[in-house]
Amino acid sequence: MSNYKEIAWQGLWKNNPGLVQLLGLCPLLAVTATLTNALGLGLATVAVLIGSNVLVSLVREFVPKEIRIPVFVMIIAALVTVVQLVINAYAYGLYLSLGIFLPLIVTNCVIIGRAEAFASRNSLGAAAFDGLMMGTGFTAVLAVLGAVREILGQGTLFDGADLLLGDWAASLRIELWQVDNSFLLAMLPPGAFIAMGLLIAVKNVIDKRLEAKKPAPESAPAITRARITKVG
């Protein structure tokens, strides 16, 4: 159980792929103009991460080390194709909104990195849980970034939620304030870079405060050596 707690802590916070490893920044910054797009890409990434980790863990004993990376990429590409077809069939609006960044999940360093660094060296259960936690951590960063940019840029939340969840989800759209002209800096890539930098700074501040609250390790008492002189 402690091992699973450490996997969760690593994926959600300590080794978060978005805030610490800084992997997958291209879709992270390009697709997060709205919370809906961020959640859509995040859920797709979670599905591929779990599936790829499971399959890589299953075949790790049968794949020669010399060709393991091409095999892992083929597994990931097959899973991405399945996810892409499912989104195309059931959430076509989201499929159009995500565009090229949906098939580019194949090249996401988060997925390839976890397949090579973790799934190929651990059991099925641990690999699946690692995929879930890393994917959830990545999705959380996407969601926060998407929410911040959407609020600042449009004054809304869950705009276009019907693209992800269906027509009924149109009622989820929240208009926080009326915006006559969108705040372009928040909606364009420069705004994404600024917001991402602020998120990383906030995490670093929290980490430093948590580190400061830890009790200082007790220093071992100094041992005084008795000096014995020879008595003639």
C-alpha atoms as a PDB file:
ATOM      1  CA  MET A   1       0.000   0.000   0.000  1.00  0.00           C
ATOM      2  CA  SER A   2       2.833   2.402   0.792  1.00  0.00           C
ATOM      3  CA  ASN A   3       4.226   1.790  -2.696  1.00  0.00           C
ATOM      4  CA  TYR A   4       0.912   2.837  -4.256  1.00  0.00           C
ATOM      5  CA  LYS A   5       0.824   5.935  -2.055  1.00  0.00           C
ATOM      6  CA  GLU A   6       4.261   6.895  -3.333  1.00  0.00           C
ATOM      7  CA  ILE A   7       3.148   6.333  -6.947  1.00  0.00           C
ATOM      8  CA  ALA A   8       0.136   8.592  -6.353  1.00  0.00           C
ATOM      9  CA  TRP A   9       2.274  11.282  -4.678  1.00  0.00           C
ATOM     10  CA  GLN A  10       4.779  11.176  -7.529  1.00  0.00           C
ATOM     11  CA  GLY A  11       2.148  11.468 -10.270  1.00  0.00           C
ATOM     12  CA  LEU A  12      -0.115  14.044  -8.674  1.00  0.00           C
ATOM     13  CA  TRP A  13       2.459  16.368  -7.134  1.00  0.00           C
ATOM     14  CA  LYS A  14       6.135  15.559  -6.522  1.00  0.00           C
ATOM     15  CA  ASN A  15       6.953  14.427 -10.075  1.00  0.00           C
ATOM     16  CA  ASN A  16       3.955  15.900 -11.890  1.00  0.00           C
ATOM     17  CA  PRO A  17       4.563  15.569 -15.656  1.00  0.00           C
ATOM     18  CA  GLY A  18       3.338  19.089 -16.381  1.00  0.00           C
ATOM     19  CA  LEU A  19       4.746  21.105 -13.477  1.00  0.00           C
ATOM     20  CA  VAL A  20       7.953  19.233 -12.670  1.00  0.00           C
ATOM     21  CA  GLN A  21       9.000  17.137 -15.656  1.00  0.00           C
ATOM     22  CA  LEU A  22       7.688  19.778 -18.085  1.00  0.00           C
ATOM     23  CA  LEU A  23       6.665  17.106 -20.580  1.00  0.00           C
ATOM     24  CA  GLY A  24       3.934  17.451 -23.189  1.00  0.00           C
ATOM     25  CA  LEU A  25       4.159  21.237 -23.171  1.00  0.00           C
ATOM     26  CA  CYS A  26       3.062  21.590 -26.798  1.00  0.00           C
ATOM     27  CA  PRO A  27      -0.532  20.364 -26.254  1.00  0.00           C
ATOM     28  CA  LEU A  28      -0.469  21.674 -22.698  1.00  0.00           C
ATOM     29  CA  LEU A  29      -0.068  25.245 -23.937  1.00  0.00           C
ATOM     30  CA  ALA A  30      -1.887  25.041 -27.262  1.00  0.00           C
ATOM     31  CA  VAL A  31      -5.163  23.344 -26.334  1.00  0.00           C
ATOM     32  CA  THR A  32      -5.922  24.944 -22.968  1.00  0.00           C
ATOM     33  CA  ALA A  33      -7.725  28.029 -24.251  1.00  0.00           C
ATOM     34  CA  THR A  34     -10.891  26.614 -22.653  1.00  0.00           C
ATOM     35  CA  LEU A  35     -11.560  24.218 -19.806  1.00  0.00           C
ATOM     36  CA  THR A  36     -13.564  21.919 -22.087  1.00  0.00           C
ATOM     37  CA  ASN A  37     -10.689  21.421 -24.515  1.00  0.00           C
ATOM     38  CA  ALA A  38      -8.288  20.876 -21.620  1.00  0.00           C
ATOM     39  CA  LEU A  39     -10.476  18.190 -20.052  1.00  0.00           C
ATOM     40  CA  GLY A  40     -11.055  16.503 -23.403  1.00  0.00           C
ATOM     41  CA  LEU A  41      -7.356  16.200 -24.162  1.00  0.00           C
ATOM     42  CA  GLY A  42      -6.612  15.237 -20.560  1.00  0.00           C
ATOM     43  CA  LEU A  43      -9.125  12.372 -20.530  1.00  0.00           C
ATOM     44  CA  ALA A  44      -7.795  11.114 -23.859  1.00  0.00           C
ATOM     45  CA  THR A  45      -4.251  11.200 -22.463  1.00  0.00           C
ATOM     46  CA  VAL A  46      -5.316   9.329 -19.316  1.00  0.00           C
ATOM     47  CA  ALA A  47      -6.924   6.575 -21.398  1.00  0.00           C
ATOM     48  CA  VAL A  48      -3.813   6.182 -23.552  1.00  0.00           C
ATOM     49  CA  LEU A  49      -1.481   6.281 -20.540  1.00  0.00           C
ATOM     50  CA  ILE A  50      -3.345   3.548 -18.680  1.00  0.00           C
ATOM     51  CA  GLY A  51      -3.696   1.381 -21.774  1.00  0.00           C
ATOM     52  CA  SER A  52      -0.079   1.741 -22.858  1.00  0.00           C
ATOM     53  CA  ASN A  53       1.273   1.072 -19.360  1.00  0.00           C
ATOM     54  CA  VAL A  54      -0.862  -2.058 -19.064  1.00  0.00           C
ATOM     55  CA  LEU A  55       0.152  -3.447 -22.454  1.00  0.00           C
ATOM     56  CA  VAL A  56       3.826  -2.591 -22.008  1.00  0.00           C
ATOM     57  CA  SER A  57       3.826  -4.289 -18.606  1.00  0.00           C
ATOM     58  CA  LEU A  58       2.228  -7.394 -20.136  1.00  0.00           C
ATOM     59  CA  VAL A  59       4.742  -7.746 -22.980  1.00  0.00           C
ATOM     60  CA  ARG A  60       7.866  -6.508 -21.200  1.00  0.00           C
ATOM     61  CA  GLU A  61       9.257 -10.021 -20.767  1.00  0.00           C
ATOM     62  CA  PHE A  62       8.862 -10.872 -24.465  1.00  0.00           C
ATOM     63  CA  VAL A  63      10.256  -7.735 -26.138  1.00  0.00           C
ATOM     64  CA  PRO A  64      14.027  -7.620 -26.763  1.00  0.00           C
ATOM     65  CA  LYS A  65      15.707  -4.562 -25.312  1.00  0.00           C
ATOM     66  CA  GLU A  66      17.050  -3.551 -28.722  1.00  0.00           C
ATOM     67  CA  ILE A  67      13.573  -2.938 -30.179  1.00  0.00           C
ATOM     68  CA  ARG A  68      11.589  -1.997 -27.093  1.00  0.00           C
ATOM     69  CA  ILE A  69      11.140   1.698 -28.007  1.00  0.00           C
ATOM     70  CA  PRO A  70       9.667   1.008 -31.510  1.00  0.00           C
ATOM     71  CA  VAL A  71       7.363  -1.603 -29.974  1.00  0.00           C
ATOM     72  CA  PHE A  72       6.224   0.842 -27.294  1.00  0.00           C
ATOM     73  CA  VAL A  73       5.552   3.524 -29.919  1.00  0.00           C
ATOM     74  CA  MET A  74       3.466   1.080 -31.987  1.00  0.00           C
ATOM     75  CA  ILE A  75       1.396   0.180 -28.924  1.00  0.00           C
ATOM     76  CA  ILE A  76       0.837   3.860 -28.110  1.00  0.00           C
ATOM     77  CA  ALA A  77      -0.033   4.672 -31.736  1.00  0.00           C
ATOM     78  CA  ALA A  78      -2.624   1.887 -31.827  1.00  0.00           C
ATOM     79  CA  LEU A  79      -4.251   3.122 -28.619  1.00  0.00           C
ATOM     80  CA  VAL A  80      -4.266   6.734 -29.820  1.00  0.00           C
ATOM     81  CA  THR A  81      -5.973   5.632 -33.034  1.00  0.00           C
ATOM     82  CA  VAL A  82      -8.689   3.874 -31.031  1.00  0.00           C
ATOM     83  CA  VAL A  83      -9.211   6.925 -28.786  1.00  0.00           C
ATOM     84  CA  GLN A  84      -9.261   9.215 -31.821  1.00  0.00           C
ATOM     85  CA  LEU A  85     -11.933   7.100 -33.548  1.00  0.00           C
ATOM     86  CA  VAL A  86     -14.054   7.010 -30.379  1.00  0.00           C
ATOM     87  CA  ILE A  87     -13.905  10.800 -29.979  1.00  0.00           C
ATOM     88  CA  ASN A  88     -14.642  11.235 -33.678  1.00  0.00           C
ATOM     89  CA  ALA A  89     -17.727   9.044 -33.319  1.00  0.00           C
ATOM     90  CA  TYR A  90     -19.154  10.353 -30.055  1.00  0.00           C
ATOM     91  CA  ALA A  91     -17.744  13.889 -29.639  1.00  0.00           C
ATOM     92  CA  TYR A  92     -17.166  15.176 -33.144  1.00  0.00           C
ATOM     93  CA  GLY A  93     -17.162  18.836 -32.089  1.00  0.00           C
ATOM     94  CA  LEU A  94     -14.388  18.161 -29.598  1.00  0.00           C
ATOM     95  CA  TYR A  95     -12.547  16.140 -32.242  1.00  0.00           C
ATOM     96  CA  LEU A  96     -12.538  19.180 -34.519  1.00  0.00           C
ATOM     97  CA  SER A  97     -11.564  21.497 -31.680  1.00  0.00           C
ATOM     98  CA  LEU A  98      -8.553  19.433 -30.593  1.00  0.00           C
ATOM     99  CA  GLY A  99      -7.430  19.002 -34.183  1.00  0.00           C
ATOM    100  CA  ILE A 100      -3.876  17.815 -34.780  1.00  0.00           C
ATOM    101  CA  PHE A 101      -3.092  17.650 -31.060  1.00  0.00           C
ATOM    102  CA  LEU A 102      -5.218  14.522 -30.673  1.00  0.00           C
ATOM    103  CA  PRO A 103      -3.090  12.262 -32.934  1.00  0.00           C
ATOM    104  CA  LEU A 104       0.034  13.968 -31.588  1.00  0.00           C
ATOM    105  CA  ILE A 105      -0.596  12.200 -28.260  1.00  0.00           C
ATOM    106  CA  VAL A 106       1.534   9.467 -29.849  1.00  0.00           C
ATOM    107  CA  THR A 107       4.603  11.666 -29.470  1.00  0.00           C
ATOM    108  CA  ASN A 108       3.741  12.888 -25.972  1.00  0.00           C
ATOM    109  CA  CYS A 109       6.892  12.377 -23.915  1.00  0.00           C
ATOM    110  CA  VAL A 110       4.803  11.662 -20.813  1.00  0.00           C
ATOM    111  CA  ILE A 111       3.417   8.460 -22.324  1.00  0.00           C
ATOM    112  CA  ILE A 112       6.647   7.204 -23.874  1.00  0.00           C
ATOM    113  CA  GLY A 113       8.588   8.128 -20.744  1.00  0.00           C
ATOM    114  CA  ARG A 114       6.296   6.216 -18.375  1.00  0.00           C
ATOM    115  CA  ALA A 115       6.271   3.189 -20.672  1.00  0.00           C
ATOM    116  CA  GLU A 116      10.066   3.069 -20.675  1.00  0.00           C
ATOM    117  CA  ALA A 117      10.826   4.224 -17.123  1.00  0.00           C
ATOM    118  CA  PHE A 118       8.056   2.479 -15.175  1.00  0.00           C
ATOM    119  CA  ALA A 119       5.722   0.111 -17.033  1.00  0.00           C
ATOM    120  CA  SER A 120       8.546  -1.914 -18.576  1.00  0.00           C
ATOM    121  CA  ARG A 121       9.991  -2.570 -15.113  1.00  0.00           C
ATOM    122  CA  ASN A 122       6.924  -3.125 -12.913  1.00  0.00           C
ATOM    123  CA  SER A 123       3.912  -5.359 -12.443  1.00  0.00           C
ATOM    124  CA  LEU A 124       0.570  -4.925 -14.190  1.00  0.00           C
ATOM    125  CA  GLY A 125      -1.228  -3.369 -11.222  1.00  0.00           C
ATOM    126  CA  ALA A 126       1.518  -0.888 -10.427  1.00  0.00           C
ATOM    127  CA  ALA A 127       1.857   0.075 -14.108  1.00  0.00           C
ATOM    128  CA  ALA A 128      -1.890   0.688 -14.478  1.00  0.00           C
ATOM    129  CA  PHE A 129      -1.983   2.776 -11.286  1.00  0.00           C
ATOM    130  CA  ASP A 130       1.057   4.769 -12.384  1.00  0.00           C
ATOM    131  CA  GLY A 131      -0.669   5.538 -15.695  1.00  0.00           C
ATOM    132  CA  LEU A 132      -3.787   6.670 -13.837  1.00  0.00           C
ATOM    133  CA  MET A 133      -1.887   8.930 -11.429  1.00  0.00           C
ATOM    134  CA  MET A 134       0.430  10.452 -14.040  1.00  0.00           C
ATOM    135  CA  GLY A 135      -2.518  11.016 -16.359  1.00  0.00           C
ATOM    136  CA  THR A 136      -4.594  12.551 -13.574  1.00  0.00           C
ATOM    137  CA  GLY A 137      -1.743  14.866 -12.603  1.00  0.00           C
ATOM    138  CA  PHE A 138      -1.302  15.933 -16.226  1.00  0.00           C
ATOM    139  CA  THR A 139      -5.070  16.447 -16.622  1.00  0.00           C
ATOM    140  CA  ALA A 140      -5.214  18.529 -13.435  1.00  0.00           C
ATOM    141  CA  VAL A 141      -2.587  20.912 -14.808  1.00  0.00           C
ATOM    142  CA  LEU A 142      -4.473  21.091 -18.115  1.00  0.00           C
ATOM    143  CA  ALA A 143      -7.737  21.826 -16.302  1.00  0.00           C
ATOM    144  CA  VAL A 144      -6.305  24.556 -14.059  1.00  0.00           C
ATOM    145  CA  LEU A 145      -4.522  26.192 -16.977  1.00  0.00           C
ATOM    146  CA  GLY A 146      -7.635  25.968 -19.159  1.00  0.00           C
ATOM    147  CA  ALA A 147      -9.873  27.396 -16.434  1.00  0.00           C
ATOM    148  CA  VAL A 148      -7.544  30.335 -15.742  1.00  0.00           C
ATOM    149  CA  ARG A 149      -7.168  31.207 -19.423  1.00  0.00           C
ATOM    150  CA  GLU A 150     -10.887  30.874 -20.136  1.00  0.00           C
ATOM    151  CA  ILE A 151     -11.875  33.040 -17.167  1.00  0.00           C
ATOM    152  CA  LEU A 152      -9.365  35.762 -18.023  1.00  0.00           C
ATOM    153  CA  GLY A 153      -9.973  35.600 -21.757  1.00  0.00           C
ATOM    154  CA  GLN A 154     -13.734  35.136 -22.016  1.00  0.00           C
ATOM    155  CA  GLY A 155     -15.147  35.507 -18.530  1.00  0.00           C
ATOM    156  CA  THR A 156     -16.710  32.026 -18.758  1.00  0.00           C
ATOM    157  CA  LEU A 157     -16.254  28.467 -17.545  1.00  0.00           C
ATOM    158  CA  PHE A 158     -17.170  25.248 -19.376  1.00  0.00           C
ATOM    159  CA  ASP A 159     -17.772  27.062 -22.621  1.00  0.00           C
ATOM    160  CA  GLY A 160     -18.483  24.371 -25.213  1.00  0.00           C
ATOM    161  CA  ALA A 161     -19.079  21.661 -22.617  1.00  0.00           C
ATOM    162  CA  ASP A 162     -21.659  20.171 -24.976  1.00  0.00           C
ATOM    163  CA  LEU A 163     -18.773  19.263 -27.320  1.00  0.00           C
ATOM    164  CA  LEU A 164     -17.409  16.931 -24.652  1.00  0.00           C
ATOM    165  CA  LEU A 165     -20.497  15.654 -22.858  1.00  0.00           C
ATOM    166  CA  GLY A 166     -23.376  16.109 -25.304  1.00  0.00           C
ATOM    167  CA  ASP A 167     -26.182  18.603 -25.798  1.00  0.00           C
ATOM    168  CA  TRP A 168     -27.366  18.377 -22.195  1.00  0.00           C
ATOM    169  CA  ALA A 169     -24.052  19.839 -20.989  1.00  0.00           C
ATOM    170  CA  ALA A 170     -24.717  23.202 -22.642  1.00  0.00           C
ATOM    171  CA  SER A 171     -26.387  24.233 -19.390  1.00  0.00           C
ATOM    172  CA  LEU A 172     -23.059  23.806 -17.559  1.00  0.00           C
ATOM    173  CA  ARG A 173     -21.683  26.958 -19.163  1.00  0.00           C
ATOM    174  CA  ILE A 174     -21.076  29.635 -16.521  1.00  0.00           C
ATOM    175  CA  GLU A 175     -20.726  33.285 -17.506  1.00  0.00           C
ATOM    176  CA  LEU A 176     -18.823  35.014 -14.724  1.00  0.00           C
ATOM    177  CA  TRP A 177     -18.936  38.427 -16.343  1.00  0.00           C
ATOM    178  CA  GLN A 178     -19.826  40.006 -19.650  1.00  0.00           C
ATOM    179  CA  VAL A 179     -16.850  40.434 -21.972  1.00  0.00           C
ATOM    180  CA  ASP A 180     -17.262  42.617 -25.056  1.00  0.00           C
ATOM    181  CA  ASN A 181     -13.790  41.878 -26.401  1.00  0.00           C
ATOM    182  CA  SER A 182     -11.801  38.799 -25.461  1.00  0.00           C
ATOM    183  CA  PHE A 183      -8.521  39.290 -23.605  1.00  0.00           C
ATOM    184  CA  LEU A 184      -6.305  37.993 -26.391  1.00  0.00           C
ATOM    185  CA  LEU A 185      -3.157  37.685 -24.298  1.00  0.00           C
ATOM    186  CA  ALA A 186      -4.817  35.035 -22.151  1.00  0.00           C
ATOM    187  CA  MET A 187      -6.175  33.161 -25.163  1.00  0.00           C
ATOM    188  CA  LEU A 188      -2.972  33.120 -27.223  1.00  0.00           C
ATOM    189  CA  PRO A 189       0.210  31.064 -26.589  1.00  0.00           C
ATOM    190  CA  PRO A 190       2.077  33.909 -24.797  1.00  0.00           C
ATOM    191  CA  GLY A 191      -0.650  33.966 -22.165  1.00  0.00           C
ATOM    192  CA  ALA A 192      -0.340  30.203 -21.791  1.00  0.00           C
ATOM    193  CA  PHE A 193       3.404  30.526 -21.155  1.00  0.00           C
ATOM    194  CA  ILE A 194       2.828  33.222 -18.518  1.00  0.00           C
ATOM    195  CA  ALA A 195       0.086  31.243 -16.768  1.00  0.00           C
ATOM    196  CA  MET A 196       2.193  28.084 -16.831  1.00  0.00           C
ATOM    197  CA  GLY A 197       5.131  29.924 -15.309  1.00  0.00           C
ATOM    198  CA  LEU A 198       2.911  31.233 -12.516  1.00  0.00           C
ATOM    199  CA  LEU A 199       1.587  27.723 -11.784  1.00  0.00           C
ATOM    200  CA  ILE A 200       5.129  26.378 -11.522  1.00  0.00           C
ATOM    201  CA  ALA A 201       6.062  29.268  -9.226  1.00  0.00           C
ATOM    202  CA  VAL A 202       3.069  28.560  -6.962  1.00  0.00           C
ATOM    203  CA  LYS A 203       4.047  24.889  -6.730  1.00  0.00           C
ATOM    204  CA  ASN A 204       7.627  25.805  -5.835  1.00  0.00           C
ATOM    205  CA  VAL A 205       6.419  28.146  -3.085  1.00  0.00           C
ATOM    206  CA  ILE A 206       4.160  25.435  -1.636  1.00  0.00           C
ATOM    207  CA  ASP A 207       7.001  22.902  -1.744  1.00  0.00           C
ATOM    208  CA  LYS A 208       9.324  25.281   0.111  1.00  0.00           C
ATOM    209  CA  ARG A 209       6.724  25.919   2.810  1.00  0.00           C
ATOM    210  CA  LEU A 210       6.075  22.200   3.230  1.00  0.00           C
ATOM    211  CA  GLU A 211       9.815  21.611   3.492  1.00  0.00           C
ATOM    212  CA  ALA A 212      10.141  24.368   6.088  1.00  0.00           C
ATOM    213  CA  LYS A 213       7.403  22.803   8.251  1.00  0.00           C
ATOM    214  CA  LYS A 214       9.197  19.477   8.445  1.00  0.00           C
ATOM    215  CA  PRO A 215      10.899  18.934  11.825  1.00  0.00           C
ATOM    216  CA  ALA A 216      14.642  19.308  11.645  1.00  0.00           C
ATOM    217  CA  PRO A 217      16.478  15.991  11.995  1.00  0.00           C
ATOM    218  CA  GLU A 218      17.918  15.474  15.437  1.00  0.00           C
ATOM    219  CA  SER A 219      21.662  15.750  15.429  1.00  0.00           C
ATOM    220  CA  ALA A 220      23.554  12.900  17.023  1.00  0.00           C
ATOM    221  CA  PRO A 221      25.152  13.845  20.336  1.00  0.00           C
ATOM    222  CA  ALA A 222      28.833  14.518  20.088  1.00  0.00           C
ATOM    223  CA  ILE A 223      30.972  11.748  21.521  1.00  0.00           C
ATOM    224  CA  THR A 224      33.824  12.923  23.685  1.00  0.00           C
ATOM    225  CA  ARG A 225      36.736  10.574  23.573  1.00  0.00           C
ATOM    226  CA  ALA A 226      38.595   9.998  26.784  1.00  0.00           C
ATOM    227  CA  ARG A 227      42.301  10.292  26.367  1.00  0.00           C
ATOM    228  CA  ILE A 228      44.237   7.636  28.208  1.00  0.00           C
ATOM    229  CA  THR A 229      47.852   8.268  28.970  1.00  0.00           C
ATOM    230  CA  LYS A 230      50.230   5.546  29.826  1.00  0.00           C
ATOM    231  CA  VAL A 231      51.172   5.404  33.475  1.00  0.00           C
ATOM    232  CA  GLY A 232      54.717   4.108  33.835  1.00  0.00           C
END
